Amino acid sequence: MIRLGKLTDYAVVVLVAMGHRPGHTHTVARLAEDTGVPAPTVSKVLKLLTSSALTSARRGANGGYALARTAESITIADIVIALDGPIALTECVGGHDTACGVGGACSMRGNWDKINRAIRHALEDVTLADMMAPPEWARPYASPSSARAVGTVSSL
């Protein structure tokens, strides 16, 4: 199973909350309240996102954090790299410097690069703005006989 770290998941949650109010300065306390993510975790995530230039920080009485770029220009790949490092399924590719005992004789090394590129491209194709949109099941739908929206699944 391919899994992202918890901090990456929290980062997406926090960034989505920030994306709903672009240009606004967000406090750690308010983001924690709005997202349900504990304040120390929000603070840690925002520091990592700021060091990766995805958010910006402002000090002072009216300080806090803001998106450094538009939601449309922040990709999920950007977020994963900021929190988890290079996108790679195995440690022998993607810039990891840990030595593998069979690295020199491994016939799979180049093939893993292909898979890593495919995953990176897939994550680059999804933006923060895409993650801000309601999921398919929560969107209004149109009946086949009419183009007008008739409600959501939960209202039926």
C-alpha atoms as a PDB file:
ATOM      1  CA  MET A   1       0.000   0.000   0.000  1.00  0.00           C
ATOM      2  CA  ILE A   2       1.248   3.455  -0.858  1.00  0.00           C
ATOM      3  CA  ARG A   3       0.643   5.836   2.016  1.00  0.00           C
ATOM      4  CA  LEU A   4       1.323   9.477   2.629  1.00  0.00           C
ATOM      5  CA  GLY A   5       2.338  10.631   6.074  1.00  0.00           C
ATOM      6  CA  LYS A   6      -0.236  12.035   8.495  1.00  0.00           C
ATOM      7  CA  LEU A   7       1.369  15.474   8.322  1.00  0.00           C
ATOM      8  CA  THR A   8       0.818  15.523   4.554  1.00  0.00           C
ATOM      9  CA  ASP A   9      -2.844  14.675   5.050  1.00  0.00           C
ATOM     10  CA  TYR A  10      -3.140  17.419   7.670  1.00  0.00           C
ATOM     11  CA  ALA A  11      -1.337  19.849   5.362  1.00  0.00           C
ATOM     12  CA  VAL A  12      -3.951  19.307   2.648  1.00  0.00           C
ATOM     13  CA  VAL A  13      -6.753  19.822   5.180  1.00  0.00           C
ATOM     14  CA  VAL A  14      -5.172  23.046   6.478  1.00  0.00           C
ATOM     15  CA  LEU A  15      -4.402  24.363   2.982  1.00  0.00           C
ATOM     16  CA  VAL A  16      -7.955  23.654   1.801  1.00  0.00           C
ATOM     17  CA  ALA A  17      -9.288  25.677   4.754  1.00  0.00           C
ATOM     18  CA  MET A  18      -6.897  28.501   3.862  1.00  0.00           C
ATOM     19  CA  GLY A  19      -7.830  28.271   0.189  1.00  0.00           C
ATOM     20  CA  HIS A  20     -11.466  28.986   0.958  1.00  0.00           C
ATOM     21  CA  ARG A  21     -10.360  32.461   2.109  1.00  0.00           C
ATOM     22  CA  PRO A  22      -7.586  33.500  -0.273  1.00  0.00           C
ATOM     23  CA  GLY A  23      -5.682  36.636   0.650  1.00  0.00           C
ATOM     24  CA  HIS A  24      -6.733  36.254   4.282  1.00  0.00           C
ATOM     25  CA  THR A  25      -4.220  35.900   7.114  1.00  0.00           C
ATOM     26  CA  HIS A  26      -5.031  32.796   9.149  1.00  0.00           C
ATOM     27  CA  THR A  27      -4.034  32.136  12.748  1.00  0.00           C
ATOM     28  CA  VAL A  28      -2.978  28.722  13.977  1.00  0.00           C
ATOM     29  CA  ALA A  29      -5.766  28.767  16.582  1.00  0.00           C
ATOM     30  CA  ARG A  30      -8.475  29.535  14.017  1.00  0.00           C
ATOM     31  CA  LEU A  31      -7.198  26.942  11.551  1.00  0.00           C
ATOM     32  CA  ALA A  32      -7.130  24.353  14.349  1.00  0.00           C
ATOM     33  CA  GLU A  33     -10.706  25.250  15.252  1.00  0.00           C
ATOM     34  CA  ASP A  34     -11.901  25.199  11.642  1.00  0.00           C
ATOM     35  CA  THR A  35     -10.203  21.925  10.699  1.00  0.00           C
ATOM     36  CA  GLY A  36     -10.185  19.895  13.907  1.00  0.00           C
ATOM     37  CA  VAL A  37      -6.420  19.425  13.571  1.00  0.00           C
ATOM     38  CA  PRO A  38      -4.664  20.063  16.915  1.00  0.00           C
ATOM     39  CA  ALA A  39      -2.992  23.492  17.114  1.00  0.00           C
ATOM     40  CA  PRO A  40       0.550  22.118  17.673  1.00  0.00           C
ATOM     41  CA  THR A  41       0.166  20.013  14.529  1.00  0.00           C
ATOM     42  CA  VAL A  42      -1.204  22.975  12.537  1.00  0.00           C
ATOM     43  CA  SER A  43       1.780  25.024  13.685  1.00  0.00           C
ATOM     44  CA  LYS A  44       4.258  22.314  12.664  1.00  0.00           C
ATOM     45  CA  VAL A  45       2.597  21.847   9.260  1.00  0.00           C
ATOM     46  CA  LEU A  46       2.558  25.603   8.576  1.00  0.00           C
ATOM     47  CA  LYS A  47       6.239  25.937   9.426  1.00  0.00           C
ATOM     48  CA  LEU A  48       7.081  23.188   6.922  1.00  0.00           C
ATOM     49  CA  LEU A  49       4.793  24.721   4.293  1.00  0.00           C
ATOM     50  CA  THR A  50       6.343  28.146   4.854  1.00  0.00           C
ATOM     51  CA  SER A  51       9.880  26.788   4.512  1.00  0.00           C
ATOM     52  CA  SER A  52       8.756  25.297   1.170  1.00  0.00           C
ATOM     53  CA  ALA A  53       7.229  28.640   0.065  1.00  0.00           C
ATOM     54  CA  LEU A  54       3.675  27.293  -0.129  1.00  0.00           C
ATOM     55  CA  THR A  55       2.543  29.593   2.675  1.00  0.00           C
ATOM     56  CA  SER A  56       3.899  32.854   3.995  1.00  0.00           C
ATOM     57  CA  ALA A  57       4.107  33.969   7.606  1.00  0.00           C
ATOM     58  CA  ARG A  58       3.537  37.411   9.058  1.00  0.00           C
ATOM     59  CA  ARG A  59       4.488  38.342  12.614  1.00  0.00           C
ATOM     60  CA  GLY A  60       2.798  40.794  14.918  1.00  0.00           C
ATOM     61  CA  ALA A  61      -0.636  41.525  16.289  1.00  0.00           C
ATOM     62  CA  ASN A  62      -2.301  40.897  12.928  1.00  0.00           C
ATOM     63  CA  GLY A  63       0.084  38.083  12.044  1.00  0.00           C
ATOM     64  CA  GLY A  64      -0.573  34.603  10.863  1.00  0.00           C
ATOM     65  CA  TYR A  65      -0.228  32.572   7.701  1.00  0.00           C
ATOM     66  CA  ALA A  66      -1.475  32.995   4.150  1.00  0.00           C
ATOM     67  CA  LEU A  67      -1.208  31.026   0.940  1.00  0.00           C
ATOM     68  CA  ALA A  68       1.918  32.118  -0.914  1.00  0.00           C
ATOM     69  CA  ARG A  69       0.380  31.151  -4.270  1.00  0.00           C
ATOM     70  CA  THR A  70      -3.087  30.629  -5.653  1.00  0.00           C
ATOM     71  CA  ALA A  71      -4.873  27.355  -4.952  1.00  0.00           C
ATOM     72  CA  GLU A  72      -4.772  26.638  -8.695  1.00  0.00           C
ATOM     73  CA  SER A  73      -0.972  26.836  -8.742  1.00  0.00           C
ATOM     74  CA  ILE A  74      -0.292  24.600  -5.713  1.00  0.00           C
ATOM     75  CA  THR A  75      -0.211  20.934  -6.672  1.00  0.00           C
ATOM     76  CA  ILE A  76      -0.578  17.921  -4.454  1.00  0.00           C
ATOM     77  CA  ALA A  77       2.965  17.017  -5.553  1.00  0.00           C
ATOM     78  CA  ASP A  78       4.163  20.345  -4.088  1.00  0.00           C
ATOM     79  CA  ILE A  79       2.519  19.492  -0.770  1.00  0.00           C
ATOM     80  CA  VAL A  80       3.831  15.912  -0.666  1.00  0.00           C
ATOM     81  CA  ILE A  81       7.374  17.070  -1.415  1.00  0.00           C
ATOM     82  CA  ALA A  82       7.142  19.805   1.255  1.00  0.00           C
ATOM     83  CA  LEU A  83       6.086  17.347   3.959  1.00  0.00           C
ATOM     84  CA  ASP A  84       7.408  13.938   2.917  1.00  0.00           C
ATOM     85  CA  GLY A  85      10.343  14.789   0.664  1.00  0.00           C
ATOM     86  CA  PRO A  86      10.929  13.528  -2.865  1.00  0.00           C
ATOM     87  CA  ILE A  87       8.217  11.367  -4.404  1.00  0.00           C
ATOM     88  CA  ALA A  88       9.658   7.870  -4.556  1.00  0.00           C
ATOM     89  CA  LEU A  89       8.297   4.417  -3.818  1.00  0.00           C
ATOM     90  CA  THR A  90      11.681   2.951  -2.991  1.00  0.00           C
ATOM     91  CA  GLU A  91      14.703   4.448  -1.285  1.00  0.00           C
ATOM     92  CA  CYS A  92      17.052   3.678  -4.177  1.00  0.00           C
ATOM     93  CA  VAL A  93      15.456   6.330  -6.385  1.00  0.00           C
ATOM     94  CA  GLY A  94      14.316   9.885  -5.993  1.00  0.00           C
ATOM     95  CA  GLY A  95      17.447  11.320  -4.450  1.00  0.00           C
ATOM     96  CA  HIS A  96      17.551   9.175  -1.315  1.00  0.00           C
ATOM     97  CA  ASP A  97      21.074   8.681  -0.120  1.00  0.00           C
ATOM     98  CA  THR A  98      20.586   5.462   1.828  1.00  0.00           C
ATOM     99  CA  ALA A  99      22.702   2.675   0.433  1.00  0.00           C
ATOM    100  CA  CYS A 100      21.078  -0.525  -0.762  1.00  0.00           C
ATOM    101  CA  GLY A 101      23.027  -3.728  -0.368  1.00  0.00           C
ATOM    102  CA  VAL A 102      22.236  -4.843  -3.916  1.00  0.00           C
ATOM    103  CA  GLY A 103      21.960  -1.435  -5.589  1.00  0.00           C
ATOM    104  CA  GLY A 104      24.773  -2.000  -8.055  1.00  0.00           C
ATOM    105  CA  ALA A 105      23.296  -5.265  -9.341  1.00  0.00           C
ATOM    106  CA  CYS A 106      19.605  -4.328  -9.179  1.00  0.00           C
ATOM    107  CA  SER A 107      17.807  -4.800 -12.482  1.00  0.00           C
ATOM    108  CA  MET A 108      14.714  -2.917 -11.263  1.00  0.00           C
ATOM    109  CA  ARG A 109      16.280   0.452 -10.434  1.00  0.00           C
ATOM    110  CA  GLY A 110      15.475   2.096 -13.790  1.00  0.00           C
ATOM    111  CA  ASN A 111      11.970   0.628 -13.826  1.00  0.00           C
ATOM    112  CA  TRP A 112      11.130   2.127 -10.447  1.00  0.00           C
ATOM    113  CA  ASP A 113      12.055   5.515 -11.904  1.00  0.00           C
ATOM    114  CA  LYS A 114       9.261   5.081 -14.490  1.00  0.00           C
ATOM    115  CA  ILE A 115       6.719   4.350 -11.766  1.00  0.00           C
ATOM    116  CA  ASN A 116       7.908   7.251  -9.616  1.00  0.00           C
ATOM    117  CA  ARG A 117       7.589   9.638 -12.589  1.00  0.00           C
ATOM    118  CA  ALA A 118       4.050   8.395 -13.285  1.00  0.00           C
ATOM    119  CA  ILE A 119       3.012   8.952  -9.663  1.00  0.00           C
ATOM    120  CA  ARG A 120       4.676  12.378  -9.573  1.00  0.00           C
ATOM    121  CA  HIS A 121       2.872  13.408 -12.771  1.00  0.00           C
ATOM    122  CA  ALA A 122      -0.454  12.192 -11.371  1.00  0.00           C
ATOM    123  CA  LEU A 123       0.084  14.253  -8.198  1.00  0.00           C
ATOM    124  CA  GLU A 124       1.128  17.262 -10.283  1.00  0.00           C
ATOM    125  CA  ASP A 125      -2.186  17.038 -12.176  1.00  0.00           C
ATOM    126  CA  VAL A 126      -4.247  17.606  -9.011  1.00  0.00           C
ATOM    127  CA  THR A 127      -4.240  21.082  -7.496  1.00  0.00           C
ATOM    128  CA  LEU A 128      -5.299  22.461  -4.159  1.00  0.00           C
ATOM    129  CA  ALA A 129      -8.227  24.059  -5.995  1.00  0.00           C
ATOM    130  CA  ASP A 130      -9.302  20.587  -7.152  1.00  0.00           C
ATOM    131  CA  MET A 131      -9.215  19.390  -3.541  1.00  0.00           C
ATOM    132  CA  MET A 132     -11.375  22.341  -2.479  1.00  0.00           C
ATOM    133  CA  ALA A 133     -14.220  21.262  -4.776  1.00  0.00           C
ATOM    134  CA  PRO A 134     -16.955  19.138  -3.228  1.00  0.00           C
ATOM    135  CA  PRO A 135     -16.620  15.413  -3.909  1.00  0.00           C
ATOM    136  CA  GLU A 136     -18.598  13.924  -6.818  1.00  0.00           C
ATOM    137  CA  TRP A 137     -21.222  12.356  -4.562  1.00  0.00           C
ATOM    138  CA  ALA A 138     -22.000  15.726  -2.947  1.00  0.00           C
ATOM    139  CA  ARG A 139     -22.443  17.657  -6.187  1.00  0.00           C
ATOM    140  CA  PRO A 140     -25.841  18.456  -7.652  1.00  0.00           C
ATOM    141  CA  TYR A 141     -26.753  16.272 -10.586  1.00  0.00           C
ATOM    142  CA  ALA A 142     -28.896  16.747 -13.636  1.00  0.00           C
ATOM    143  CA  SER A 143     -31.555  14.254 -14.630  1.00  0.00           C
ATOM    144  CA  PRO A 144     -31.157  12.710 -18.075  1.00  0.00           C
ATOM    145  CA  SER A 145     -34.343  14.436 -19.262  1.00  0.00           C
ATOM    146  CA  SER A 146     -33.387  17.842 -17.960  1.00  0.00           C
ATOM    147  CA  ALA A 147     -30.281  19.981 -17.645  1.00  0.00           C
ATOM    148  CA  ARG A 148     -31.382  21.586 -14.377  1.00  0.00           C
ATOM    149  CA  ALA A 149     -29.899  20.532 -11.055  1.00  0.00           C
ATOM    150  CA  VAL A 150     -32.356  18.624  -8.914  1.00  0.00           C
ATOM    151  CA  GLY A 151     -30.504  18.351  -5.623  1.00  0.00           C
ATOM    152  CA  THR A 152     -27.847  16.308  -3.953  1.00  0.00           C
ATOM    153  CA  VAL A 153     -27.776  12.675  -2.975  1.00  0.00           C
ATOM    154  CA  SER A 154     -28.288  13.605   0.663  1.00  0.00           C
ATOM    155  CA  SER A 155     -31.508  15.472  -0.150  1.00  0.00           C
ATOM    156  CA  LEU A 156     -33.197  12.476  -1.775  1.00  0.00           C
END
